[in-house]
N, C-alpha and C. Protein backbone atom coordinates (compact mmCIF):
# COMPACT_ATOMS: atom_id res chain seq x y z
N MET A 1 136.26 133.56 -120.36
CA MET A 1 136.42 134.73 -119.80
C MET A 1 137.80 134.85 -120.21
N ILE A 2 138.21 136.10 -120.91
CA ILE A 2 139.45 136.46 -121.54
C ILE A 2 140.04 137.20 -120.44
N SER A 3 141.38 137.53 -120.60
CA SER A 3 142.11 138.33 -119.55
C SER A 3 142.21 139.77 -119.99
N LYS A 4 142.37 140.82 -119.16
CA LYS A 4 142.36 141.93 -119.34
C LYS A 4 143.30 142.15 -120.72
N ASP A 5 144.49 141.47 -120.59
CA ASP A 5 145.60 141.69 -121.68
C ASP A 5 145.07 141.32 -123.18
N GLU A 6 144.43 140.06 -123.07
CA GLU A 6 143.71 139.54 -124.11
C GLU A 6 142.70 140.34 -124.60
N SER A 7 141.93 141.14 -123.87
CA SER A 7 140.89 142.00 -124.15
C SER A 7 141.39 143.08 -125.05
N ILE A 8 142.52 143.83 -124.36
CA ILE A 8 143.22 144.79 -125.06
C ILE A 8 143.89 144.32 -126.53
N VAL A 9 144.33 143.09 -126.57
CA VAL A 9 144.87 142.78 -127.81
C VAL A 9 143.58 142.44 -128.78
N THR A 10 142.33 142.10 -128.31
CA THR A 10 141.33 141.90 -129.34
C THR A 10 140.72 143.28 -129.83
N GLN A 11 140.83 144.26 -128.96
CA GLN A 11 140.55 145.67 -129.30
C GLN A 11 141.50 146.32 -130.25
N VAL A 12 142.65 145.95 -130.21
CA VAL A 12 143.54 146.43 -131.01
C VAL A 12 143.53 145.91 -132.54
N ALA A 13 143.16 144.41 -132.53
CA ALA A 13 142.92 143.71 -133.55
C ALA A 13 141.59 144.09 -134.36
N ALA A 14 140.80 144.45 -133.68
CA ALA A 14 139.58 144.89 -134.19
C ALA A 14 139.88 146.29 -134.84
N LYS A 15 140.72 147.05 -134.29
CA LYS A 15 140.97 148.46 -134.61
C LYS A 15 141.64 148.24 -136.09
N ILE A 16 142.80 147.65 -136.08
CA ILE A 16 143.72 147.34 -137.21
C ILE A 16 142.83 146.72 -138.42
N ALA A 17 141.77 145.64 -138.01
CA ALA A 17 141.16 145.04 -139.04
C ALA A 17 140.19 146.00 -139.84
N SER A 18 139.58 146.79 -138.81
CA SER A 18 138.73 147.88 -139.48
C SER A 18 139.49 148.88 -140.45
N GLU A 19 140.58 149.29 -140.00
CA GLU A 19 141.52 150.18 -140.82
C GLU A 19 141.87 149.47 -142.16
N LEU A 20 142.20 148.05 -142.19
CA LEU A 20 142.62 147.41 -143.19
C LEU A 20 141.38 147.24 -144.18
N THR A 21 140.20 146.92 -143.63
CA THR A 21 139.11 146.56 -144.51
C THR A 21 138.72 147.80 -145.25
N THR A 22 138.55 149.00 -144.54
CA THR A 22 138.45 150.27 -145.11
C THR A 22 139.12 150.46 -146.34
N ASN A 23 140.50 150.15 -146.16
CA ASN A 23 141.36 150.36 -147.36
C ASN A 23 141.61 149.19 -148.26
N THR A 24 140.51 148.34 -148.16
CA THR A 24 140.52 146.99 -149.24
C THR A 24 139.35 147.31 -150.32
N GLN A 25 139.55 146.98 -151.37
CA GLN A 25 138.49 147.10 -152.53
C GLN A 25 137.77 145.86 -152.29
N THR A 26 136.31 145.98 -152.31
CA THR A 26 135.42 144.80 -152.05
C THR A 26 134.41 145.48 -153.23
N ASP A 27 133.44 144.50 -153.36
CA ASP A 27 132.39 144.67 -154.28
C ASP A 27 131.35 145.53 -153.49
N GLY A 28 131.35 145.90 -152.25
CA GLY A 28 130.51 146.80 -151.61
C GLY A 28 129.35 146.19 -150.84
N THR A 29 129.19 144.94 -150.95
CA THR A 29 128.27 144.08 -150.10
C THR A 29 128.59 143.97 -148.72
N VAL A 30 127.53 144.18 -147.86
CA VAL A 30 127.57 144.06 -146.65
C VAL A 30 128.32 142.50 -146.20
N GLU A 31 127.99 141.45 -146.89
CA GLU A 31 128.67 140.10 -146.51
C GLU A 31 130.18 140.04 -147.00
N THR A 32 130.32 140.82 -148.04
CA THR A 32 131.75 140.75 -148.56
C THR A 32 132.64 141.59 -147.62
N ILE A 33 132.11 142.68 -147.20
CA ILE A 33 132.76 143.80 -146.15
C ILE A 33 132.95 142.89 -144.97
N GLN A 34 132.06 142.40 -144.61
CA GLN A 34 132.16 141.51 -143.19
C GLN A 34 133.01 140.36 -143.16
N ALA A 35 132.88 139.62 -144.35
CA ALA A 35 133.81 138.43 -144.42
C ALA A 35 135.36 139.01 -144.62
N THR A 36 135.41 140.09 -145.33
CA THR A 36 136.92 140.78 -145.56
C THR A 36 137.45 141.29 -143.97
N TYR A 37 136.70 141.57 -143.21
CA TYR A 37 136.69 142.25 -141.92
C TYR A 37 137.07 141.07 -141.09
N LEU A 38 136.45 140.04 -141.21
CA LEU A 38 136.66 138.91 -140.34
C LEU A 38 138.12 138.28 -140.51
N GLN A 39 138.38 138.20 -142.05
CA GLN A 39 139.55 137.63 -142.19
C GLN A 39 140.66 138.53 -141.75
N HIS A 40 140.48 139.86 -141.92
CA HIS A 40 141.53 140.66 -141.07
C HIS A 40 141.88 140.43 -139.78
N PHE A 41 140.76 140.76 -138.93
CA PHE A 41 140.52 140.42 -137.66
C PHE A 41 141.33 139.23 -137.30
N ASP A 42 140.85 138.00 -137.77
CA ASP A 42 141.44 136.85 -137.27
C ASP A 42 142.94 136.68 -137.45
N PHE A 43 143.47 137.28 -138.72
CA PHE A 43 144.83 137.17 -138.91
C PHE A 43 145.59 138.00 -137.95
N ILE A 44 144.98 139.26 -137.74
CA ILE A 44 145.82 140.20 -136.94
C ILE A 44 145.73 139.73 -135.42
N ARG A 45 144.55 139.28 -135.07
CA ARG A 45 144.54 138.82 -133.77
C ARG A 45 145.40 137.63 -133.40
N GLU A 46 145.57 136.59 -134.28
CA GLU A 46 146.33 135.50 -134.40
C GLU A 46 147.90 136.02 -134.05
N LEU A 47 148.15 136.94 -134.71
CA LEU A 47 149.48 137.38 -135.01
C LEU A 47 149.81 137.96 -133.63
N LEU A 48 149.05 138.57 -133.12
CA LEU A 48 149.23 139.58 -131.97
C LEU A 48 149.12 138.46 -130.65
N VAL A 49 148.43 137.47 -130.76
CA VAL A 49 148.06 136.60 -129.50
C VAL A 49 149.45 136.02 -129.50
N SER A 50 149.75 135.29 -130.72
CA SER A 50 151.22 134.42 -130.78
C SER A 50 152.28 135.20 -130.32
N THR A 51 152.56 136.60 -130.94
CA THR A 51 153.51 137.51 -130.26
C THR A 51 153.71 137.79 -128.96
N HIS A 52 152.33 137.93 -128.08
CA HIS A 52 152.53 138.15 -126.89
C HIS A 52 152.31 136.82 -126.06
N GLY A 53 152.40 135.57 -126.61
CA GLY A 53 152.66 134.46 -125.89
C GLY A 53 151.24 133.83 -125.33
N PHE A 54 150.20 134.17 -125.71
CA PHE A 54 148.87 133.67 -125.03
C PHE A 54 148.95 132.45 -125.52
N ASN A 55 148.36 131.53 -124.67
CA ASN A 55 148.21 129.88 -125.02
C ASN A 55 147.07 129.71 -125.95
N GLU A 56 145.95 130.47 -125.84
CA GLU A 56 144.71 130.00 -126.51
C GLU A 56 144.70 131.00 -127.74
N VAL A 57 144.53 130.39 -128.92
CA VAL A 57 144.19 131.42 -130.22
C VAL A 57 142.79 130.91 -130.59
N VAL A 58 142.10 131.91 -130.89
CA VAL A 58 140.78 131.52 -131.28
C VAL A 58 140.70 132.06 -132.73
N ALA A 59 140.38 131.21 -133.76
CA ALA A 59 140.18 131.66 -135.15
C ALA A 59 138.93 130.93 -135.58
N VAL A 60 138.02 131.52 -135.60
CA VAL A 60 136.67 130.87 -135.89
C VAL A 60 136.09 131.05 -137.14
N THR A 61 136.96 131.83 -137.93
CA THR A 61 136.36 131.97 -139.56
C THR A 61 136.30 130.80 -140.22
N ASN A 62 137.34 129.78 -139.74
CA ASN A 62 137.67 128.44 -140.52
C ASN A 62 136.38 127.55 -139.96
N SER A 63 135.57 127.90 -139.17
CA SER A 63 134.60 127.13 -138.70
C SER A 63 133.41 127.24 -139.43
N PRO A 64 132.74 126.15 -140.18
CA PRO A 64 131.39 126.42 -141.17
C PRO A 64 130.22 126.61 -140.11
N LYS A 65 130.47 126.21 -138.93
CA LYS A 65 129.20 126.56 -138.11
C LYS A 65 128.91 128.08 -137.58
N VAL A 66 129.98 128.64 -137.72
CA VAL A 66 129.61 130.21 -137.20
C VAL A 66 129.60 131.19 -138.30
N SER A 67 128.55 131.76 -138.20
CA SER A 67 128.19 132.72 -139.30
C SER A 67 129.12 134.01 -139.03
N VAL A 68 128.95 134.94 -140.15
CA VAL A 68 129.66 136.15 -140.27
C VAL A 68 128.90 137.06 -139.01
N ASP A 69 127.67 136.86 -139.17
CA ASP A 69 126.92 137.80 -138.18
C ASP A 69 127.28 137.57 -136.63
N THR A 70 127.41 136.04 -136.37
CA THR A 70 127.56 135.69 -135.12
C THR A 70 129.14 136.25 -134.71
N ARG A 71 129.95 135.98 -135.79
CA ARG A 71 131.48 136.61 -135.37
C ARG A 71 131.46 137.99 -135.29
N ALA A 72 130.92 138.72 -136.03
CA ALA A 72 130.84 140.06 -135.70
C ALA A 72 130.31 140.46 -134.47
N ASN A 73 129.22 139.80 -134.05
CA ASN A 73 128.80 140.41 -132.49
C ASN A 73 129.67 139.77 -131.60
N ASP A 74 130.22 138.70 -131.85
CA ASP A 74 131.30 138.17 -130.58
C ASP A 74 132.40 139.38 -130.63
N ILE A 75 133.00 139.75 -131.69
CA ILE A 75 134.15 140.76 -131.57
C ILE A 75 133.34 142.09 -131.09
N ALA A 76 132.28 142.36 -131.49
CA ALA A 76 131.54 143.87 -130.83
C ALA A 76 131.55 143.73 -129.37
N GLU A 77 131.04 142.19 -128.73
CA GLU A 77 130.88 142.16 -127.43
C GLU A 77 132.20 142.36 -126.79
N GLN A 78 133.22 141.63 -127.33
CA GLN A 78 134.76 141.88 -126.64
C GLN A 78 135.10 143.45 -126.85
N PHE A 79 135.01 143.77 -128.00
CA PHE A 79 135.37 145.28 -128.24
C PHE A 79 134.77 146.24 -127.03
N ASP A 80 133.43 145.97 -126.90
CA ASP A 80 132.49 146.90 -125.98
C ASP A 80 132.44 146.37 -124.51
N ALA A 81 133.23 145.35 -124.15
CA ALA A 81 133.25 144.89 -122.84
C ALA A 81 133.13 145.79 -121.80
N GLY A 82 132.25 145.81 -120.94
CA GLY A 82 131.76 146.53 -119.88
C GLY A 82 131.09 147.97 -120.34
N TYR A 83 131.06 148.17 -121.51
CA TYR A 83 130.24 149.38 -121.97
C TYR A 83 128.83 148.89 -122.47
N THR A 84 127.81 149.84 -122.23
CA THR A 84 126.58 149.80 -122.76
C THR A 84 126.63 150.13 -124.29
N GLN A 85 125.74 149.59 -125.32
CA GLN A 85 125.89 150.10 -126.52
C GLN A 85 125.34 151.40 -126.75
N GLY A 86 126.57 152.21 -127.22
CA GLY A 86 126.54 153.63 -127.53
C GLY A 86 125.94 154.59 -126.27
N SER A 87 126.22 154.04 -124.81
CA SER A 87 125.81 155.11 -123.90
C SER A 87 127.14 155.74 -123.40
N GLY A 88 128.30 155.43 -123.58
CA GLY A 88 129.44 155.84 -122.93
C GLY A 88 129.54 155.42 -121.65
N ILE A 89 128.89 154.83 -120.72
CA ILE A 89 128.86 154.44 -119.12
C ILE A 89 129.36 153.19 -119.11
N GLN A 90 130.53 153.19 -118.49
CA GLN A 90 131.10 151.96 -118.20
C GLN A 90 130.53 151.34 -116.88
N ILE A 91 130.15 149.99 -117.00
CA ILE A 91 129.70 149.41 -115.79
C ILE A 91 130.87 148.53 -114.95
N LYS A 92 131.22 148.96 -113.84
CA LYS A 92 132.19 148.21 -113.21
C LYS A 92 131.68 147.21 -112.60
N GLY A 93 132.36 146.04 -112.38
CA GLY A 93 131.96 144.88 -111.56
C GLY A 93 130.69 144.00 -112.66
N THR A 94 129.67 143.51 -112.05
CA THR A 94 128.82 142.72 -112.80
C THR A 94 127.37 143.59 -113.32
N GLN A 95 127.16 143.48 -114.48
CA GLN A 95 126.02 144.25 -114.84
C GLN A 95 124.90 143.34 -114.62
N HIS A 96 123.64 143.75 -114.19
CA HIS A 96 122.52 143.19 -113.98
C HIS A 96 121.31 143.71 -114.74
N GLY A 97 121.49 143.22 -116.16
CA GLY A 97 120.51 143.59 -117.02
C GLY A 97 120.87 144.86 -117.85
N PRO A 98 119.91 145.31 -118.75
CA PRO A 98 120.15 146.34 -119.79
C PRO A 98 120.32 147.62 -118.63
N ILE A 99 120.99 148.60 -119.59
CA ILE A 99 120.94 149.89 -118.71
C ILE A 99 120.02 150.86 -119.10
N PRO A 100 119.13 151.41 -118.10
CA PRO A 100 118.13 152.13 -118.47
C PRO A 100 118.30 153.61 -119.08
N ALA A 101 117.44 154.00 -119.85
CA ALA A 101 117.77 155.16 -120.57
C ALA A 101 117.73 156.42 -119.55
N TRP A 102 117.10 156.57 -118.35
CA TRP A 102 117.16 157.31 -117.34
C TRP A 102 118.69 157.65 -116.60
N LEU A 103 119.18 156.32 -116.63
CA LEU A 103 120.53 156.55 -116.00
C LEU A 103 121.72 156.95 -116.98
N VAL A 104 121.46 156.88 -118.17
CA VAL A 104 122.29 157.55 -119.32
C VAL A 104 122.15 159.16 -119.10
N THR A 105 120.82 159.49 -119.16
CA THR A 105 120.70 161.15 -118.88
C THR A 105 121.18 161.39 -117.65
N ALA A 106 121.12 160.62 -116.39
CA ALA A 106 121.54 161.34 -115.09
C ALA A 106 123.07 161.28 -115.16
N CYS A 107 123.57 160.25 -115.67
CA CYS A 107 125.00 160.25 -115.74
C CYS A 107 125.75 161.27 -116.51
N SER A 108 124.98 161.52 -117.64
CA SER A 108 125.73 162.70 -118.62
C SER A 108 125.37 164.03 -117.87
N LYS A 109 124.30 164.07 -117.01
CA LYS A 109 124.01 165.42 -116.53
C LYS A 109 125.10 165.67 -115.27
N ALA A 110 125.57 164.66 -114.53
CA ALA A 110 126.31 164.76 -113.44
C ALA A 110 128.02 164.46 -113.97
N GLY A 111 128.14 164.06 -115.10
CA GLY A 111 129.58 164.01 -115.67
C GLY A 111 129.97 162.64 -115.23
N VAL A 112 129.41 161.60 -114.90
CA VAL A 112 129.73 160.47 -114.41
C VAL A 112 129.83 159.53 -115.83
N THR A 113 131.26 158.75 -115.67
CA THR A 113 131.42 157.89 -116.96
C THR A 113 131.37 156.57 -116.68
N ALA A 114 131.35 156.23 -115.10
CA ALA A 114 131.56 154.78 -114.73
C ALA A 114 130.58 154.50 -113.45
N VAL A 115 129.81 153.36 -113.35
CA VAL A 115 129.02 153.25 -112.40
C VAL A 115 129.11 151.81 -111.96
N TRP A 116 128.61 151.49 -110.61
CA TRP A 116 128.56 150.01 -110.23
C TRP A 116 127.11 149.84 -110.14
N ASP A 117 126.77 148.71 -110.77
CA ASP A 117 125.24 148.24 -110.77
C ASP A 117 124.96 147.48 -109.52
N ASN A 118 124.04 148.15 -108.70
CA ASN A 118 123.58 147.43 -107.27
C ASN A 118 122.29 146.81 -107.44
N ARG A 119 121.76 146.61 -108.73
CA ARG A 119 120.40 146.33 -108.75
C ARG A 119 119.94 144.78 -108.39
N ASP A 120 121.12 144.25 -108.12
CA ASP A 120 120.92 142.59 -107.57
C ASP A 120 120.82 142.75 -106.07
N THR A 121 121.13 143.86 -105.16
CA THR A 121 120.78 143.80 -103.77
C THR A 121 120.03 144.96 -103.33
N ALA A 122 119.91 145.96 -104.32
CA ALA A 122 119.07 147.09 -103.79
C ALA A 122 117.50 146.80 -103.92
N ASN A 123 117.15 147.39 -102.78
CA ASN A 123 115.46 147.21 -102.50
C ASN A 123 114.80 148.35 -101.58
N ALA A 124 113.77 148.52 -101.58
CA ALA A 124 113.11 149.32 -100.73
C ALA A 124 113.45 149.16 -99.25
N GLN A 125 113.67 148.25 -98.76
CA GLN A 125 113.96 147.89 -97.52
C GLN A 125 115.43 148.32 -97.03
N ASN A 126 116.28 148.34 -97.88
CA ASN A 126 117.69 148.69 -97.40
C ASN A 126 118.04 150.19 -98.07
N LYS A 127 117.23 150.74 -99.01
CA LYS A 127 117.19 152.13 -99.45
C LYS A 127 118.65 152.07 -100.38
N ARG A 128 119.08 151.12 -100.75
CA ARG A 128 120.36 151.15 -101.52
C ARG A 128 120.23 151.79 -102.83
N PRO A 129 120.77 152.59 -103.40
CA PRO A 129 120.81 153.28 -105.03
C PRO A 129 120.83 151.99 -106.03
N LEU A 130 120.26 152.13 -106.97
CA LEU A 130 120.37 151.17 -107.90
C LEU A 130 121.65 151.26 -108.74
N PHE A 131 122.27 152.34 -108.66
CA PHE A 131 123.54 152.80 -109.33
C PHE A 131 124.35 153.72 -108.60
N LYS A 132 125.66 153.26 -108.34
CA LYS A 132 126.55 154.36 -107.57
C LYS A 132 127.75 154.68 -108.47
N ALA A 133 128.30 155.89 -108.59
CA ALA A 133 129.57 156.36 -109.27
C ALA A 133 130.71 155.72 -109.04
N ALA A 134 131.25 155.05 -109.91
CA ALA A 134 132.60 154.34 -109.72
C ALA A 134 133.93 155.18 -110.34
N ASP A 135 133.64 156.37 -110.80
CA ASP A 135 134.76 157.08 -111.42
C ASP A 135 135.36 158.25 -110.34
N GLY A 136 135.01 158.34 -109.32
CA GLY A 136 135.51 159.40 -108.30
C GLY A 136 134.66 160.67 -108.14
N LYS A 137 133.30 160.44 -109.00
CA LYS A 137 132.40 161.74 -108.79
C LYS A 137 131.75 161.72 -107.39
N THR A 138 131.59 162.47 -106.62
CA THR A 138 131.11 162.64 -105.22
C THR A 138 130.11 163.65 -105.04
N ASN A 139 129.15 163.51 -103.85
CA ASN A 139 128.53 164.60 -103.88
C ASN A 139 129.13 165.60 -102.89
N PRO A 140 128.60 166.71 -102.37
CA PRO A 140 129.15 167.56 -101.25
C PRO A 140 129.79 166.89 -99.96
N GLN A 141 129.22 165.81 -99.69
CA GLN A 141 129.39 165.29 -98.42
C GLN A 141 130.70 164.30 -98.73
N GLY A 142 131.16 164.19 -99.86
CA GLY A 142 132.11 163.19 -100.29
C GLY A 142 131.85 161.86 -100.68
N GLN A 143 130.66 161.51 -100.70
CA GLN A 143 129.97 160.28 -101.03
C GLN A 143 130.10 160.15 -102.39
N PRO A 144 130.41 158.83 -103.04
CA PRO A 144 130.04 158.68 -104.51
C PRO A 144 128.58 158.86 -104.93
N LEU A 145 128.57 159.64 -105.82
CA LEU A 145 127.12 159.72 -106.35
C LEU A 145 126.24 158.72 -106.64
N ALA A 146 125.05 158.80 -106.27
CA ALA A 146 124.17 157.76 -106.27
C ALA A 146 122.94 158.05 -107.19
N PHE A 147 122.41 156.86 -107.76
CA PHE A 147 121.36 157.02 -108.74
C PHE A 147 120.17 156.06 -108.34
N TRP A 148 118.90 156.64 -108.13
CA TRP A 148 117.73 155.83 -108.00
C TRP A 148 116.89 156.37 -109.33
N GLN A 149 116.04 155.11 -109.62
CA GLN A 149 115.08 155.34 -110.72
C GLN A 149 114.22 156.65 -110.40
N PRO A 150 114.11 157.58 -111.13
CA PRO A 150 113.26 158.75 -110.91
C PRO A 150 111.77 158.37 -110.95
N ARG A 151 111.16 159.24 -110.20
CA ARG A 151 109.72 158.93 -109.81
C ARG A 151 109.03 159.89 -111.11
N ASN A 152 108.13 159.16 -111.69
CA ASN A 152 107.38 160.02 -112.65
C ASN A 152 106.03 160.79 -112.15
């Protein structure tokens, strides 16, 4: 688990590496572009990590056991930490499984950008909502907006 500061450094390194890769001439194959990106990412991240004094520097491209696709997925996971792929909804706390499409739609309609995932404790007996707004959006009674799975 990386700290919040290390997560920010990773995101910045990913952004800079992306810009450097866009401005670098390659043969245009996916493998070459990914390899170039990973070289830029590792170099920039290592530079930023050492500049900020973090003890652990992760340089994976030197390891023959890690494929380009695996490293790209690791970067994507760190970059999107707390966000579902493409949904724009941030999950506060622990995420308990994939985010359902109905939640994305409901949050979009309500203007909610962050939720708590209560699926680990919500059940029919306690009538607890599966998700609760974590971004300050409230109902008319001042309670955080709650989301249950819609009935079809």
